[in-house]
Amino acid sequence: MDELEEPKFQIENRFVAKSGATVWVRNFVSTIPNAEGRPAQNIALVTDITSRIGTQQELRAVDAQLRLMIDHAPAAVAMFDRNMLYVA
């Protein structure tokens, strides 16, 4: 490990609130060294990413439905993006 590089990592966690709602958070954790360069403290930045995770899940569900429709369509069906490049 480079002398200037501090140990750090990111992790996403799912929690269930008392209300029963699911909450997703991203934790960015970093170690702060003391004067001698040894780990002294950890600091964490916690960000609520619940809406992003929900949007991703919705998009995956819509994508699965579209692919199912295309795979089982009685006629030839193709999907193109805005630049008219073939998608599926």
C-alpha atoms as a PDB file:
ATOM      1  CA  MET A   1       0.000   0.000   0.000  1.00  0.00           C
ATOM      2  CA  ASP A   2       1.263   3.472  -0.887  1.00  0.00           C
ATOM      3  CA  GLU A   3       2.293   5.555   2.157  1.00  0.00           C
ATOM      4  CA  LEU A   4      -0.160   8.293   1.168  1.00  0.00           C
ATOM      5  CA  GLU A   5      -3.040   5.902   0.609  1.00  0.00           C
ATOM      6  CA  GLU A   6      -5.363   5.480   3.557  1.00  0.00           C
ATOM      7  CA  PRO A   7      -7.361   2.254   3.971  1.00  0.00           C
ATOM      8  CA  LYS A   8     -10.932   2.791   2.753  1.00  0.00           C
ATOM      9  CA  PHE A   9     -13.886   0.884   1.364  1.00  0.00           C
ATOM     10  CA  GLN A  10     -17.502   1.265   0.267  1.00  0.00           C
ATOM     11  CA  ILE A  11     -20.379  -1.055   1.064  1.00  0.00           C
ATOM     12  CA  GLU A  12     -24.131  -0.968   0.522  1.00  0.00           C
ATOM     13  CA  ASN A  13     -26.439  -2.235   3.244  1.00  0.00           C
ATOM     14  CA  ARG A  14     -30.166  -2.892   3.526  1.00  0.00           C
ATOM     15  CA  PHE A  15     -31.975  -2.167   6.779  1.00  0.00           C
ATOM     16  CA  VAL A  16     -35.569  -2.565   7.890  1.00  0.00           C
ATOM     17  CA  ALA A  17     -36.914   0.458   9.780  1.00  0.00           C
ATOM     18  CA  LYS A  18     -39.249   0.135  12.773  1.00  0.00           C
ATOM     19  CA  SER A  19     -42.091   1.056  10.406  1.00  0.00           C
ATOM     20  CA  GLY A  20     -41.238  -2.002   8.305  1.00  0.00           C
ATOM     21  CA  ALA A  21     -39.913   0.075   5.396  1.00  0.00           C
ATOM     22  CA  THR A  22     -36.710  -1.033   3.686  1.00  0.00           C
ATOM     23  CA  VAL A  23     -33.876   1.504   3.730  1.00  0.00           C
ATOM     24  CA  TRP A  24     -30.736   1.180   1.595  1.00  0.00           C
ATOM     25  CA  VAL A  25     -27.547   3.061   2.493  1.00  0.00           C
ATOM     26  CA  ARG A  26     -24.060   3.351   1.018  1.00  0.00           C
ATOM     27  CA  ASN A  27     -21.273   3.539   3.599  1.00  0.00           C
ATOM     28  CA  PHE A  28     -17.910   5.019   2.635  1.00  0.00           C
ATOM     29  CA  VAL A  29     -15.485   4.137   5.439  1.00  0.00           C
ATOM     30  CA  SER A  30     -11.946   5.465   5.806  1.00  0.00           C
ATOM     31  CA  THR A  31      -9.243   5.112   8.455  1.00  0.00           C
ATOM     32  CA  ILE A  32      -7.546   8.190   9.884  1.00  0.00           C
ATOM     33  CA  PRO A  33      -3.968   7.622  11.063  1.00  0.00           C
ATOM     34  CA  ASN A  34      -2.411   9.141  14.186  1.00  0.00           C
ATOM     35  CA  ALA A  35       0.870  11.136  14.212  1.00  0.00           C
ATOM     36  CA  GLU A  36       2.865   7.885  13.997  1.00  0.00           C
ATOM     37  CA  GLY A  37       0.910   6.723  10.957  1.00  0.00           C
ATOM     38  CA  ARG A  38      -0.975   3.963  12.751  1.00  0.00           C
ATOM     39  CA  PRO A  39      -4.770   3.674  12.412  1.00  0.00           C
ATOM     40  CA  ALA A  40      -6.344   5.857  15.081  1.00  0.00           C
ATOM     41  CA  GLN A  41      -9.943   6.477  14.016  1.00  0.00           C
ATOM     42  CA  ASN A  42     -12.483   5.377  11.463  1.00  0.00           C
ATOM     43  CA  ILE A  43     -14.792   7.824   9.779  1.00  0.00           C
ATOM     44  CA  ALA A  44     -17.912   6.871   7.821  1.00  0.00           C
ATOM     45  CA  LEU A  45     -20.059   8.801   5.381  1.00  0.00           C
ATOM     46  CA  VAL A  46     -23.540   7.269   5.171  1.00  0.00           C
ATOM     47  CA  THR A  47     -25.766   8.134   2.210  1.00  0.00           C
ATOM     48  CA  ASP A  48     -29.415   7.091   1.795  1.00  0.00           C
ATOM     49  CA  ILE A  49     -29.677   5.396  -1.625  1.00  0.00           C
ATOM     50  CA  THR A  50     -33.172   3.921  -1.175  1.00  0.00           C
ATOM     51  CA  SER A  51     -34.700   5.790  -4.128  1.00  0.00           C
ATOM     52  CA  ARG A  52     -31.822   4.818  -6.448  1.00  0.00           C
ATOM     53  CA  ILE A  53     -32.153   1.135  -5.534  1.00  0.00           C
ATOM     54  CA  GLY A  54     -35.926   1.305  -6.049  1.00  0.00           C
ATOM     55  CA  THR A  55     -35.478   2.883  -9.478  1.00  0.00           C
ATOM     56  CA  GLN A  56     -32.947   0.218 -10.476  1.00  0.00           C
ATOM     57  CA  GLN A  57     -35.336  -2.554  -9.405  1.00  0.00           C
ATOM     58  CA  GLU A  58     -38.192  -0.979 -11.387  1.00  0.00           C
ATOM     59  CA  LEU A  59     -36.015  -0.669 -14.496  1.00  0.00           C
ATOM     60  CA  ARG A  60     -34.929  -4.316 -14.228  1.00  0.00           C
ATOM     61  CA  ALA A  61     -38.589  -5.383 -13.971  1.00  0.00           C
ATOM     62  CA  VAL A  62     -39.592  -3.318 -17.028  1.00  0.00           C
ATOM     63  CA  ASP A  63     -36.607  -4.650 -18.974  1.00  0.00           C
ATOM     64  CA  ALA A  64     -37.574  -8.237 -18.108  1.00  0.00           C
ATOM     65  CA  GLN A  65     -41.163  -7.620 -19.275  1.00  0.00           C
ATOM     66  CA  LEU A  66     -40.011  -6.093 -22.570  1.00  0.00           C
ATOM     67  CA  ARG A  67     -37.593  -8.944 -23.247  1.00  0.00           C
ATOM     68  CA  LEU A  68     -40.310 -11.489 -22.482  1.00  0.00           C
ATOM     69  CA  MET A  69     -42.649  -9.725 -24.927  1.00  0.00           C
ATOM     70  CA  ILE A  70     -39.991  -9.626 -27.635  1.00  0.00           C
ATOM     71  CA  ASP A  71     -39.003 -13.267 -27.129  1.00  0.00           C
ATOM     72  CA  HIS A  72     -42.626 -14.454 -27.430  1.00  0.00           C
ATOM     73  CA  ALA A  73     -43.991 -12.037 -30.049  1.00  0.00           C
ATOM     74  CA  PRO A  74     -45.717 -13.782 -32.997  1.00  0.00           C
ATOM     75  CA  ALA A  75     -43.980 -11.412 -35.421  1.00  0.00           C
ATOM     76  CA  ALA A  76     -40.459 -10.055 -35.676  1.00  0.00           C
ATOM     77  CA  VAL A  77     -39.886  -7.304 -33.091  1.00  0.00           C
ATOM     78  CA  ALA A  78     -36.744  -5.270 -32.567  1.00  0.00           C
ATOM     79  CA  MET A  79     -35.799  -2.501 -30.151  1.00  0.00           C
ATOM     80  CA  PHE A  80     -33.639   0.459 -31.106  1.00  0.00           C
ATOM     81  CA  ASP A  81     -32.206   3.267 -28.994  1.00  0.00           C
ATOM     82  CA  ARG A  82     -32.571   6.975 -29.841  1.00  0.00           C
ATOM     83  CA  ASN A  83     -29.630   6.740 -32.246  1.00  0.00           C
ATOM     84  CA  MET A  84     -31.359   3.872 -34.055  1.00  0.00           C
ATOM     85  CA  LEU A  85     -28.826   1.334 -32.801  1.00  0.00           C
ATOM     86  CA  TYR A  86     -30.170  -2.188 -32.312  1.00  0.00           C
ATOM     87  CA  VAL A  87     -30.779  -2.983 -28.626  1.00  0.00           C
ATOM     88  CA  ALA A  88     -32.775  -6.218 -28.645  1.00  0.00           C
END
